[in-house]
């Protein structure tokens, strides 16, 4: 056999060596001498949850992943605050438990969870920081992947510059229209579009005072953060200006000084989001894993409104235009 043939055989072996070794290892570790595929437990994945807390339905979200060969870890988003890590999800005879420390909740005790999974359904209990126990149910979160790119419709002005037509609040209204601007002069209720949307492109301009904080909620479930990053209190990078709150940080900080008009151009298709902040793309077609704190509900498969956060300080908006997908 010549040198060229030997080299060719070595190349072929290098291509098949790893799959063969993997198969041999699978056979070696099987007690019956047969190959066996080990299926991940049904708990792995993302879950849209609703907690029944004293008659109120609180949207929440859970993600469970494998770390290594057998340890389960995860993330959890409560009705408010950001997604927080779960160091271990413990399994015991078909039931799962985890515990997380308080974030913005009152009290000092952990929040303790126990639940079961059956196919695409989840149910369990939460012991809150006040020591009270509440029930929750949920379903597996939809993938929301699209087979084809969207065909965009006609742009629509969501704000007419004159009044609050097409909008409503989730409590007592503090929003006013002044000089062609939507203004919340102090903390109060959130402002929500009457109309709901699935996939869209959104242009919005905003202005905040020093230290103020707001947000644009896409479908009412995913907050794109508006915050005085330059002179306000320090925040984790996932919670700063132009981030998808608690999940996706911007690749460059484009925040201007308080008192200046700024803009977001946001495209949302399924779970894929692209954010242009003040003319610079800072998030490019990233997957939003789940709902953020403050979401209107956890029904991720349904259309939802545009929501402006009004409970974190003064904020102004103008030039709000949405282009829905057909």
C-alpha atoms as a PDB file:
ATOM      1  CA  UNK A   1       0.000   0.000   0.000  1.00  0.00           C
ATOM      2  CA  UNK A   2       1.449   3.391  -0.995  1.00  0.00           C
ATOM      3  CA  UNK A   3       1.732   6.463   1.235  1.00  0.00           C
ATOM      4  CA  UNK A   4      -1.239   8.163  -0.427  1.00  0.00           C
ATOM      5  CA  UNK A   5      -3.507   5.190   0.313  1.00  0.00           C
ATOM      6  CA  UNK A   6      -2.382   5.129   3.937  1.00  0.00           C
ATOM      7  CA  UNK A   7      -3.158   8.831   4.312  1.00  0.00           C
ATOM      8  CA  UNK A   8      -6.596   8.332   2.779  1.00  0.00           C
ATOM      9  CA  UNK A   9      -7.398   5.498   5.165  1.00  0.00           C
ATOM     10  CA  UNK A  10      -6.268   7.611   8.112  1.00  0.00           C
ATOM     11  CA  UNK A  11      -8.504  10.443   6.944  1.00  0.00           C
ATOM     12  CA  UNK A  12     -11.494   8.113   6.639  1.00  0.00           C
ATOM     13  CA  UNK A  13     -10.837   6.672  10.092  1.00  0.00           C
ATOM     14  CA  UNK A  14     -10.590  10.153  11.593  1.00  0.00           C
ATOM     15  CA  UNK A  15     -14.070  10.962  10.234  1.00  0.00           C
ATOM     16  CA  UNK A  16     -15.759   7.870  11.652  1.00  0.00           C
ATOM     17  CA  UNK A  17     -13.648   7.347  14.787  1.00  0.00           C
ATOM     18  CA  UNK A  18     -15.682   9.534  17.126  1.00  0.00           C
ATOM     19  CA  UNK A  19     -19.115   8.139  16.167  1.00  0.00           C
ATOM     20  CA  UNK A  20     -17.745   4.579  16.444  1.00  0.00           C
ATOM     21  CA  UNK A  21     -16.175   5.261  19.832  1.00  0.00           C
ATOM     22  CA  UNK A  22     -19.410   6.870  20.996  1.00  0.00           C
ATOM     23  CA  UNK A  23     -21.360   3.783  19.914  1.00  0.00           C
ATOM     24  CA  UNK A  24     -18.862   1.460  21.600  1.00  0.00           C
ATOM     25  CA  UNK A  25     -19.130   3.474  24.805  1.00  0.00           C
ATOM     26  CA  UNK A  26     -22.923   3.269  24.692  1.00  0.00           C
ATOM     27  CA  UNK A  27     -22.720  -0.487  24.251  1.00  0.00           C
ATOM     28  CA  UNK A  28     -20.118  -0.817  26.985  1.00  0.00           C
ATOM     29  CA  UNK A  29     -22.127   1.029  29.584  1.00  0.00           C
ATOM     30  CA  UNK A  30     -25.359  -0.807  28.840  1.00  0.00           C
ATOM     31  CA  UNK A  31     -25.814  -3.678  31.306  1.00  0.00           C
ATOM     32  CA  UNK A  32     -27.763  -5.780  28.792  1.00  0.00           C
ATOM     33  CA  UNK A  33     -25.228  -5.313  26.033  1.00  0.00           C
ATOM     34  CA  UNK A  34     -27.706  -3.287  23.962  1.00  0.00           C
ATOM     35  CA  UNK A  35     -27.656   0.339  22.903  1.00  0.00           C
ATOM     36  CA  UNK A  36     -30.155   2.470  24.836  1.00  0.00           C
ATOM     37  CA  UNK A  37     -31.172   6.095  24.319  1.00  0.00           C
ATOM     38  CA  UNK A  38     -31.709   7.919  27.588  1.00  0.00           C
ATOM     39  CA  UNK A  39     -34.581  10.422  27.342  1.00  0.00           C
ATOM     40  CA  UNK A  40     -34.413  13.702  29.216  1.00  0.00           C
ATOM     41  CA  UNK A  41     -37.127  14.142  31.865  1.00  0.00           C
ATOM     42  CA  UNK A  42     -40.263  16.025  30.769  1.00  0.00           C
ATOM     43  CA  UNK A  43     -39.486  18.825  33.218  1.00  0.00           C
ATOM     44  CA  UNK A  44     -36.711  20.143  30.977  1.00  0.00           C
ATOM     45  CA  UNK A  45     -37.843  23.129  28.965  1.00  0.00           C
ATOM     46  CA  UNK A  46     -39.654  26.427  29.440  1.00  0.00           C
ATOM     47  CA  UNK A  47     -42.981  26.836  31.180  1.00  0.00           C
ATOM     48  CA  UNK A  48     -45.597  29.592  31.156  1.00  0.00           C
ATOM     49  CA  UNK A  49     -47.053  29.694  34.654  1.00  0.00           C
ATOM     50  CA  UNK A  50     -49.985  31.394  36.377  1.00  0.00           C
ATOM     51  CA  UNK A  51     -49.938  31.662  40.166  1.00  0.00           C
ATOM     52  CA  UNK A  52     -53.247  32.002  42.011  1.00  0.00           C
ATOM     53  CA  UNK A  53     -52.354  34.431  44.796  1.00  0.00           C
ATOM     54  CA  UNK A  54     -55.326  35.502  46.926  1.00  0.00           C
ATOM     55  CA  UNK A  55     -57.656  35.529  43.932  1.00  0.00           C
ATOM     56  CA  UNK A  56     -55.204  37.304  41.630  1.00  0.00           C
ATOM     57  CA  UNK A  57     -53.655  35.580  38.624  1.00  0.00           C
ATOM     58  CA  UNK A  58     -49.930  36.344  38.597  1.00  0.00           C
ATOM     59  CA  UNK A  59     -48.005  35.530  35.395  1.00  0.00           C
ATOM     60  CA  UNK A  60     -44.660  33.807  35.962  1.00  0.00           C
ATOM     61  CA  UNK A  61     -42.158  31.740  33.994  1.00  0.00           C
ATOM     62  CA  UNK A  62     -39.864  28.788  34.652  1.00  0.00           C
ATOM     63  CA  UNK A  63     -36.982  27.287  32.717  1.00  0.00           C
ATOM     64  CA  UNK A  64     -35.323  23.978  33.665  1.00  0.00           C
ATOM     65  CA  UNK A  65     -32.067  22.799  32.088  1.00  0.00           C
ATOM     66  CA  UNK A  66     -29.512  20.066  32.620  1.00  0.00           C
ATOM     67  CA  UNK A  67     -26.100  20.921  34.005  1.00  0.00           C
ATOM     68  CA  UNK A  68     -23.764  18.059  33.215  1.00  0.00           C
ATOM     69  CA  UNK A  69     -25.204  14.567  33.162  1.00  0.00           C
ATOM     70  CA  UNK A  70     -27.826  14.679  35.885  1.00  0.00           C
ATOM     71  CA  UNK A  71     -28.059  17.971  37.833  1.00  0.00           C
ATOM     72  CA  UNK A  72     -31.027  20.203  36.999  1.00  0.00           C
ATOM     73  CA  UNK A  73     -30.727  23.989  37.164  1.00  0.00           C
ATOM     74  CA  UNK A  74     -32.954  26.786  35.925  1.00  0.00           C
ATOM     75  CA  UNK A  75     -34.322  30.319  35.887  1.00  0.00           C
ATOM     76  CA  UNK A  76     -37.525  31.783  37.266  1.00  0.00           C
ATOM     77  CA  UNK A  77     -39.412  35.013  36.597  1.00  0.00           C
ATOM     78  CA  UNK A  78     -42.011  36.089  39.137  1.00  0.00           C
ATOM     79  CA  UNK A  79     -44.834  38.579  38.565  1.00  0.00           C
ATOM     80  CA  UNK A  80     -42.348  41.429  39.052  1.00  0.00           C
ATOM     81  CA  UNK A  81     -38.573  41.777  38.993  1.00  0.00           C
ATOM     82  CA  UNK A  82     -36.131  40.113  36.632  1.00  0.00           C
ATOM     83  CA  UNK A  83     -35.360  36.490  35.800  1.00  0.00           C
ATOM     84  CA  UNK A  84     -33.341  34.983  38.628  1.00  0.00           C
ATOM     85  CA  UNK A  85     -31.144  31.864  38.638  1.00  0.00           C
ATOM     86  CA  UNK A  86     -32.071  28.557  40.252  1.00  0.00           C
ATOM     87  CA  UNK A  87     -28.960  26.788  41.509  1.00  0.00           C
ATOM     88  CA  UNK A  88     -30.632  23.359  41.611  1.00  0.00           C
ATOM     89  CA  UNK A  89     -34.000  21.839  40.801  1.00  0.00           C
ATOM     90  CA  UNK A  90     -34.225  18.720  42.939  1.00  0.00           C
ATOM     91  CA  UNK A  91     -36.097  15.618  41.789  1.00  0.00           C
ATOM     92  CA  UNK A  92     -37.691  13.154  44.202  1.00  0.00           C
ATOM     93  CA  UNK A  93     -40.046  10.390  43.103  1.00  0.00           C
ATOM     94  CA  UNK A  94     -41.762  12.346  40.347  1.00  0.00           C
ATOM     95  CA  UNK A  95     -41.850  15.674  42.187  1.00  0.00           C
ATOM     96  CA  UNK A  96     -39.540  18.634  41.802  1.00  0.00           C
ATOM     97  CA  UNK A  97     -38.530  21.370  44.222  1.00  0.00           C
ATOM     98  CA  UNK A  98     -36.419  24.500  44.196  1.00  0.00           C
ATOM     99  CA  UNK A  99     -35.876  27.519  46.390  1.00  0.00           C
ATOM    100  CA  UNK A 100     -34.877  31.085  45.509  1.00  0.00           C
ATOM    101  CA  UNK A 101     -34.096  34.092  47.708  1.00  0.00           C
ATOM    102  CA  UNK A 102     -36.291  37.204  47.604  1.00  0.00           C
ATOM    103  CA  UNK A 103     -35.497  39.866  45.032  1.00  0.00           C
ATOM    104  CA  UNK A 104     -37.992  42.740  45.336  1.00  0.00           C
ATOM    105  CA  UNK A 105     -40.445  40.839  47.534  1.00  0.00           C
ATOM    106  CA  UNK A 106     -41.038  41.913  51.117  1.00  0.00           C
ATOM    107  CA  UNK A 107     -39.628  39.622  53.788  1.00  0.00           C
ATOM    108  CA  UNK A 108     -36.430  37.648  54.091  1.00  0.00           C
ATOM    109  CA  UNK A 109     -37.443  33.994  53.748  1.00  0.00           C
ATOM    110  CA  UNK A 110     -36.914  32.144  50.485  1.00  0.00           C
ATOM    111  CA  UNK A 111     -39.658  31.368  47.999  1.00  0.00           C
ATOM    112  CA  UNK A 112     -40.075  27.583  47.945  1.00  0.00           C
ATOM    113  CA  UNK A 113     -41.609  25.698  45.011  1.00  0.00           C
ATOM    114  CA  UNK A 114     -42.856  22.119  44.659  1.00  0.00           C
ATOM    115  CA  UNK A 115     -44.417  20.836  41.450  1.00  0.00           C
ATOM    116  CA  UNK A 116     -45.179  17.937  39.125  1.00  0.00           C
ATOM    117  CA  UNK A 117     -45.030  17.688  35.350  1.00  0.00           C
ATOM    118  CA  UNK A 118     -47.341  15.636  33.148  1.00  0.00           C
ATOM    119  CA  UNK A 119     -46.554  15.919  29.456  1.00  0.00           C
ATOM    120  CA  UNK A 120     -47.021  19.580  28.559  1.00  0.00           C
ATOM    121  CA  UNK A 121     -48.712  20.568  31.831  1.00  0.00           C
ATOM    122  CA  UNK A 122     -47.249  21.653  35.153  1.00  0.00           C
ATOM    123  CA  UNK A 123     -48.845  22.240  38.542  1.00  0.00           C
ATOM    124  CA  UNK A 124     -47.599  22.870  42.041  1.00  0.00           C
ATOM    125  CA  UNK A 125     -47.352  25.197  44.997  1.00  0.00           C
ATOM    126  CA  UNK A 126     -45.318  28.231  45.967  1.00  0.00           C
ATOM    127  CA  UNK A 127     -44.560  29.203  49.566  1.00  0.00           C
ATOM    128  CA  UNK A 128     -44.162  32.973  49.352  1.00  0.00           C
ATOM    129  CA  UNK A 129     -41.893  35.211  51.424  1.00  0.00           C
ATOM    130  CA  UNK A 130     -44.820  35.786  53.815  1.00  0.00           C
ATOM    131  CA  UNK A 131     -44.984  32.050  54.552  1.00  0.00           C
ATOM    132  CA  UNK A 132     -48.319  31.608  52.779  1.00  0.00           C
ATOM    133  CA  UNK A 133     -48.826  28.793  50.265  1.00  0.00           C
ATOM    134  CA  UNK A 134     -50.314  29.450  46.821  1.00  0.00           C
ATOM    135  CA  UNK A 135     -51.162  27.124  43.923  1.00  0.00           C
ATOM    136  CA  UNK A 136     -49.940  27.472  40.368  1.00  0.00           C
ATOM    137  CA  UNK A 137     -50.555  25.796  37.022  1.00  0.00           C
ATOM    138  CA  UNK A 138     -48.916  26.163  33.659  1.00  0.00           C
ATOM    139  CA  UNK A 139     -48.168  24.821  30.218  1.00  0.00           C
ATOM    140  CA  UNK A 140     -45.066  24.282  28.154  1.00  0.00           C
ATOM    141  CA  UNK A 141     -44.099  27.565  26.503  1.00  0.00           C
ATOM    142  CA  UNK A 142     -44.613  27.717  22.730  1.00  0.00           C
ATOM    143  CA  UNK A 143     -41.542  27.759  20.489  1.00  0.00           C
ATOM    144  CA  UNK A 144     -42.889  30.616  18.307  1.00  0.00           C
ATOM    145  CA  UNK A 145     -40.570  29.895  15.386  1.00  0.00           C
ATOM    146  CA  UNK A 146     -41.747  31.051  11.948  1.00  0.00           C
ATOM    147  CA  UNK A 147     -41.207  29.137   8.701  1.00  0.00           C
ATOM    148  CA  UNK A 148     -41.236  32.245   6.504  1.00  0.00           C
ATOM    149  CA  UNK A 149     -40.185  35.854   6.969  1.00  0.00           C
ATOM    150  CA  UNK A 150     -43.093  38.213   7.635  1.00  0.00           C
ATOM    151  CA  UNK A 151     -44.788  40.324   5.006  1.00  0.00           C
ATOM    152  CA  UNK A 152     -45.198  43.773   6.515  1.00  0.00           C
ATOM    153  CA  UNK A 153     -48.444  45.677   6.382  1.00  0.00           C
ATOM    154  CA  UNK A 154     -49.165  49.386   6.492  1.00  0.00           C
ATOM    155  CA  UNK A 155     -47.611  51.499   9.278  1.00  0.00           C
ATOM    156  CA  UNK A 156     -50.115  52.671  11.890  1.00  0.00           C
ATOM    157  CA  UNK A 157     -49.800  55.666  14.209  1.00  0.00           C
ATOM    158  CA  UNK A 158     -50.681  54.411  17.673  1.00  0.00           C
ATOM    159  CA  UNK A 159     -50.814  57.932  19.122  1.00  0.00           C
ATOM    160  CA  UNK A 160     -52.661  60.719  17.307  1.00  0.00           C
ATOM    161  CA  UNK A 161     -50.956  63.536  19.228  1.00  0.00           C
ATOM    162  CA  UNK A 162     -54.280  64.877  20.484  1.00  0.00           C
ATOM    163  CA  UNK A 163     -55.831  62.482  22.993  1.00  0.00           C
ATOM    164  CA  UNK A 164     -55.669  58.947  24.446  1.00  0.00           C
ATOM    165  CA  UNK A 165     -57.880  57.375  21.775  1.00  0.00           C
ATOM    166  CA  UNK A 166     -56.851  53.732  21.306  1.00  0.00           C
ATOM    167  CA  UNK A 167     -55.283  53.489  24.756  1.00  0.00           C
ATOM    168  CA  UNK A 168     -56.384  52.552  28.277  1.00  0.00           C
ATOM    169  CA  UNK A 169     -54.730  52.248  31.678  1.00  0.00           C
ATOM    170  CA  UNK A 170     -54.627  49.392  34.180  1.00  0.00           C
ATOM    171  CA  UNK A 171     -55.633  51.681  37.060  1.00  0.00           C
ATOM    172  CA  UNK A 172     -56.323  55.326  37.825  1.00  0.00           C
ATOM    173  CA  UNK A 173     -55.090  57.363  34.857  1.00  0.00           C
ATOM    174  CA  UNK A 174     -52.287  59.893  35.328  1.00  0.00           C
ATOM    175  CA  UNK A 175     -51.357  60.094  31.613  1.00  0.00           C
ATOM    176  CA  UNK A 176     -52.010  63.345  29.733  1.00  0.00           C
ATOM    177  CA  UNK A 177     -51.518  64.658  26.205  1.00  0.00           C
ATOM    178  CA  UNK A 178     -49.516  67.856  26.041  1.00  0.00           C
ATOM    179  CA  UNK A 179     -47.939  69.552  23.006  1.00  0.00           C
ATOM    180  CA  UNK A 180     -48.196  66.362  20.945  1.00  0.00           C
ATOM    181  CA  UNK A 181     -46.638  64.202  23.648  1.00  0.00           C
ATOM    182  CA  UNK A 182     -47.923  61.372  25.831  1.00  0.00           C
ATOM    183  CA  UNK A 183     -46.842  62.322  29.339  1.00  0.00           C
ATOM    184  CA  UNK A 184     -46.842  60.616  32.718  1.00  0.00           C
ATOM    185  CA  UNK A 185     -45.766  63.358  35.104  1.00  0.00           C
ATOM    186  CA  UNK A 186     -45.531  61.065  38.122  1.00  0.00           C
ATOM    187  CA  UNK A 187     -45.661  57.372  38.963  1.00  0.00           C
ATOM    188  CA  UNK A 188     -49.023  55.744  38.391  1.00  0.00           C
ATOM    189  CA  UNK A 189     -50.707  53.311  36.021  1.00  0.00           C
ATOM    190  CA  UNK A 190     -49.369  51.617  32.913  1.00  0.00           C
ATOM    191  CA  UNK A 191     -50.681  52.725  29.506  1.00  0.00           C
ATOM    192  CA  UNK A 192     -51.865  49.964  27.159  1.00  0.00           C
ATOM    193  CA  UNK A 193     -53.035  49.873  23.552  1.00  0.00           C
ATOM    194  CA  UNK A 194     -56.577  48.672  22.923  1.00  0.00           C
ATOM    195  CA  UNK A 195     -55.315  46.810  19.881  1.00  0.00           C
ATOM    196  CA  UNK A 196     -53.255  43.620  20.109  1.00  0.00           C
ATOM    197  CA  UNK A 197     -50.420  42.490  17.861  1.00  0.00           C
ATOM    198  CA  UNK A 198     -48.426  39.382  16.970  1.00  0.00           C
ATOM    199  CA  UNK A 199     -45.354  40.232  14.856  1.00  0.00           C
ATOM    200  CA  UNK A 200     -44.477  43.858  14.218  1.00  0.00           C
ATOM    201  CA  UNK A 201     -41.960  46.650  13.766  1.00  0.00           C
ATOM    202  CA  UNK A 202     -42.285  49.439  16.344  1.00  0.00           C
ATOM    203  CA  UNK A 203     -40.821  52.938  16.350  1.00  0.00           C
ATOM    204  CA  UNK A 204     -41.101  54.930  19.564  1.00  0.00           C
ATOM    205  CA  UNK A 205     -39.454  58.087  20.871  1.00  0.00           C
ATOM    206  CA  UNK A 206     -39.171  58.864  24.584  1.00  0.00           C
ATOM    207  CA  UNK A 207     -37.658  61.217  27.133  1.00  0.00           C
ATOM    208  CA  UNK A 208     -37.024  60.696  30.837  1.00  0.00           C
ATOM    209  CA  UNK A 209     -35.839  62.775  33.744  1.00  0.00           C
ATOM    210  CA  UNK A 210     -32.730  62.039  35.764  1.00  0.00           C
ATOM    211  CA  UNK A 211     -33.117  58.806  37.699  1.00  0.00           C
ATOM    212  CA  UNK A 212     -36.414  57.863  36.047  1.00  0.00           C
ATOM    213  CA  UNK A 213     -37.388  54.459  34.731  1.00  0.00           C
ATOM    214  CA  UNK A 214     -39.954  53.053  32.304  1.00  0.00           C
ATOM    215  CA  UNK A 215     -40.250  50.344  29.678  1.00  0.00           C
ATOM    216  CA  UNK A 216     -41.904  49.274  26.434  1.00  0.00           C
ATOM    217  CA  UNK A 217     -43.648  45.916  26.770  1.00  0.00           C
ATOM    218  CA  UNK A 218     -43.911  43.946  23.517  1.00  0.00           C
ATOM    219  CA  UNK A 219     -47.185  42.007  23.325  1.00  0.00           C
ATOM    220  CA  UNK A 220     -47.514  43.167  26.920  1.00  0.00           C
ATOM    221  CA  UNK A 221     -45.057  40.453  27.998  1.00  0.00           C
ATOM    222  CA  UNK A 222     -41.467  41.372  27.103  1.00  0.00           C
ATOM    223  CA  UNK A 223     -40.030  44.593  28.519  1.00  0.00           C
ATOM    224  CA  UNK A 224     -37.468  46.617  26.594  1.00  0.00           C
ATOM    225  CA  UNK A 225     -35.940  48.657  29.381  1.00  0.00           C
ATOM    226  CA  UNK A 226     -36.026  52.466  29.473  1.00  0.00           C
ATOM    227  CA  UNK A 227     -33.863  53.761  32.305  1.00  0.00           C
ATOM    228  CA  UNK A 228     -31.405  56.509  33.166  1.00  0.00           C
ATOM    229  CA  UNK A 229     -28.341  54.303  32.812  1.00  0.00           C
ATOM    230  CA  UNK A 230     -25.930  57.249  32.558  1.00  0.00           C
ATOM    231  CA  UNK A 231     -26.688  59.027  35.840  1.00  0.00           C
ATOM    232  CA  UNK A 232     -29.137  56.773  37.671  1.00  0.00           C
ATOM    233  CA  UNK A 233     -28.451  54.033  40.197  1.00  0.00           C
ATOM    234  CA  UNK A 234     -26.257  51.149  38.944  1.00  0.00           C
ATOM    235  CA  UNK A 235     -28.089  48.179  37.437  1.00  0.00           C
ATOM    236  CA  UNK A 236     -26.957  44.765  36.152  1.00  0.00           C
ATOM    237  CA  UNK A 237     -26.195  44.910  32.404  1.00  0.00           C
ATOM    238  CA  UNK A 238     -29.297  42.808  31.640  1.00  0.00           C
ATOM    239  CA  UNK A 239     -31.447  45.485  33.293  1.00  0.00           C
ATOM    240  CA  UNK A 240     -29.957  48.558  31.652  1.00  0.00           C
ATOM    241  CA  UNK A 241     -31.054  50.841  28.836  1.00  0.00           C
ATOM    242  CA  UNK A 242     -32.260  48.964  25.706  1.00  0.00           C
ATOM    243  CA  UNK A 243     -31.974  45.506  27.330  1.00  0.00           C
ATOM    244  CA  UNK A 244     -34.790  42.984  27.226  1.00  0.00           C
ATOM    245  CA  UNK A 245     -35.201  43.178  30.971  1.00  0.00           C
ATOM    246  CA  UNK A 246     -33.381  40.437  32.845  1.00  0.00           C
ATOM    247  CA  UNK A 247     -32.571  38.436  29.697  1.00  0.00           C
ATOM    248  CA  UNK A 248     -30.778  40.157  26.807  1.00  0.00           C
ATOM    249  CA  UNK A 249     -28.156  42.913  27.287  1.00  0.00           C
ATOM    250  CA  UNK A 250     -27.298  45.436  24.556  1.00  0.00           C
ATOM    251  CA  UNK A 251     -23.983  44.974  22.771  1.00  0.00           C
ATOM    252  CA  UNK A 252     -23.255  48.698  23.119  1.00  0.00           C
ATOM    253  CA  UNK A 253     -24.606  51.309  25.509  1.00  0.00           C
ATOM    254  CA  UNK A 254     -26.353  53.995  23.451  1.00  0.00           C
ATOM    255  CA  UNK A 255     -28.186  55.869  26.214  1.00  0.00           C
ATOM    256  CA  UNK A 256     -28.209  59.662  26.008  1.00  0.00           C
ATOM    257  CA  UNK A 257     -28.327  62.094  28.889  1.00  0.00           C
ATOM    258  CA  UNK A 258     -31.604  62.545  30.805  1.00  0.00           C
ATOM    259  CA  UNK A 259     -33.869  65.179  29.273  1.00  0.00           C
ATOM    260  CA  UNK A 260     -32.923  64.300  25.684  1.00  0.00           C
ATOM    261  CA  UNK A 261     -35.263  62.635  23.205  1.00  0.00           C
ATOM    262  CA  UNK A 262     -34.231  59.068  22.361  1.00  0.00           C
ATOM    263  CA  UNK A 263     -35.617  56.328  20.133  1.00  0.00           C
ATOM    264  CA  UNK A 264     -36.104  52.590  19.819  1.00  0.00           C
ATOM    265  CA  UNK A 265     -36.818  50.735  16.590  1.00  0.00           C
ATOM    266  CA  UNK A 266     -37.883  47.243  17.580  1.00  0.00           C
ATOM    267  CA  UNK A 267     -38.696  44.254  15.374  1.00  0.00           C
ATOM    268  CA  UNK A 268     -40.384  41.260  16.985  1.00  0.00           C
ATOM    269  CA  UNK A 269     -41.049  38.076  14.982  1.00  0.00           C
ATOM    270  CA  UNK A 270     -42.046  35.109  17.104  1.00  0.00           C
ATOM    271  CA  UNK A 271     -39.423  35.196  19.867  1.00  0.00           C
ATOM    272  CA  UNK A 272     -36.759  36.850  17.718  1.00  0.00           C
ATOM    273  CA  UNK A 273     -36.150  40.476  18.638  1.00  0.00           C
ATOM    274  CA  UNK A 274     -33.972  43.123  17.041  1.00  0.00           C
ATOM    275  CA  UNK A 275     -33.504  46.460  18.820  1.00  0.00           C
ATOM    276  CA  UNK A 276     -32.014  49.619  17.358  1.00  0.00           C
ATOM    277  CA  UNK A 277     -31.343  52.186  20.098  1.00  0.00           C
ATOM    278  CA  UNK A 278     -30.696  55.762  18.990  1.00  0.00           C
ATOM    279  CA  UNK A 279     -29.696  54.564  15.521  1.00  0.00           C
ATOM    280  CA  UNK A 280     -27.406  51.702  16.589  1.00  0.00           C
ATOM    281  CA  UNK A 281     -28.376  48.003  16.445  1.00  0.00           C
ATOM    282  CA  UNK A 282     -27.736  46.736  19.977  1.00  0.00           C
ATOM    283  CA  UNK A 283     -29.631  43.421  19.865  1.00  0.00           C
ATOM    284  CA  UNK A 284     -29.825  41.424  16.618  1.00  0.00           C
ATOM    285  CA  UNK A 285     -32.380  38.624  16.175  1.00  0.00           C
ATOM    286  CA  UNK A 286     -31.966  37.243  19.671  1.00  0.00           C
ATOM    287  CA  UNK A 287     -34.418  34.791  21.227  1.00  0.00           C
ATOM    288  CA  UNK A 288     -36.453  36.167  24.118  1.00  0.00           C
ATOM    289  CA  UNK A 289     -36.612  33.132  26.443  1.00  0.00           C
ATOM    290  CA  UNK A 290     -39.807  34.040  28.307  1.00  0.00           C
ATOM    291  CA  UNK A 291     -41.929  36.726  29.875  1.00  0.00           C
ATOM    292  CA  UNK A 292     -40.343  39.482  31.918  1.00  0.00           C
ATOM    293  CA  UNK A 293     -41.544  40.786  35.266  1.00  0.00           C
ATOM    294  CA  UNK A 294     -44.613  42.986  34.972  1.00  0.00           C
ATOM    295  CA  UNK A 295     -46.105  41.045  32.050  1.00  0.00           C
ATOM    296  CA  UNK A 296     -49.873  41.284  31.616  1.00  0.00           C
ATOM    297  CA  UNK A 297     -50.134  37.482  31.404  1.00  0.00           C
ATOM    298  CA  UNK A 298     -48.099  34.387  30.549  1.00  0.00           C
ATOM    299  CA  UNK A 299     -50.037  33.429  27.376  1.00  0.00           C
ATOM    300  CA  UNK A 300     -47.059  33.690  25.061  1.00  0.00           C
ATOM    301  CA  UNK A 301     -48.816  32.080  22.112  1.00  0.00           C
ATOM    302  CA  UNK A 302     -51.426  34.846  21.893  1.00  0.00           C
ATOM    303  CA  UNK A 303     -51.287  38.373  20.437  1.00  0.00           C
ATOM    304  CA  UNK A 304     -50.776  41.169  22.939  1.00  0.00           C
ATOM    305  CA  UNK A 305     -50.748  44.969  23.257  1.00  0.00           C
ATOM    306  CA  UNK A 306     -48.002  47.546  23.444  1.00  0.00           C
ATOM    307  CA  UNK A 307     -47.643  48.662  27.072  1.00  0.00           C
ATOM    308  CA  UNK A 308     -45.782  51.672  28.437  1.00  0.00           C
ATOM    309  CA  UNK A 309     -44.670  51.357  32.044  1.00  0.00           C
ATOM    310  CA  UNK A 310     -45.924  54.265  34.104  1.00  0.00           C
ATOM    311  CA  UNK A 311     -45.232  53.212  37.690  1.00  0.00           C
ATOM    312  CA  UNK A 312     -41.507  54.025  37.902  1.00  0.00           C
ATOM    313  CA  UNK A 313     -41.315  57.797  37.493  1.00  0.00           C
ATOM    314  CA  UNK A 314     -41.988  60.571  34.945  1.00  0.00           C
ATOM    315  CA  UNK A 315     -41.781  59.625  31.260  1.00  0.00           C
ATOM    316  CA  UNK A 316     -42.740  61.204  27.906  1.00  0.00           C
ATOM    317  CA  UNK A 317     -43.480  59.475  24.576  1.00  0.00           C
ATOM    318  CA  UNK A 318     -44.085  60.687  21.032  1.00  0.00           C
ATOM    319  CA  UNK A 319     -44.015  59.448  17.389  1.00  0.00           C
ATOM    320  CA  UNK A 320     -45.311  55.944  18.157  1.00  0.00           C
ATOM    321  CA  UNK A 321     -45.693  53.996  14.901  1.00  0.00           C
ATOM    322  CA  UNK A 322     -46.242  50.261  14.494  1.00  0.00           C
ATOM    323  CA  UNK A 323     -46.043  48.193  11.321  1.00  0.00           C
ATOM    324  CA  UNK A 324     -47.831  44.879  11.879  1.00  0.00           C
ATOM    325  CA  UNK A 325     -47.144  41.750   9.879  1.00  0.00           C
ATOM    326  CA  UNK A 326     -49.956  40.736   7.539  1.00  0.00           C
END
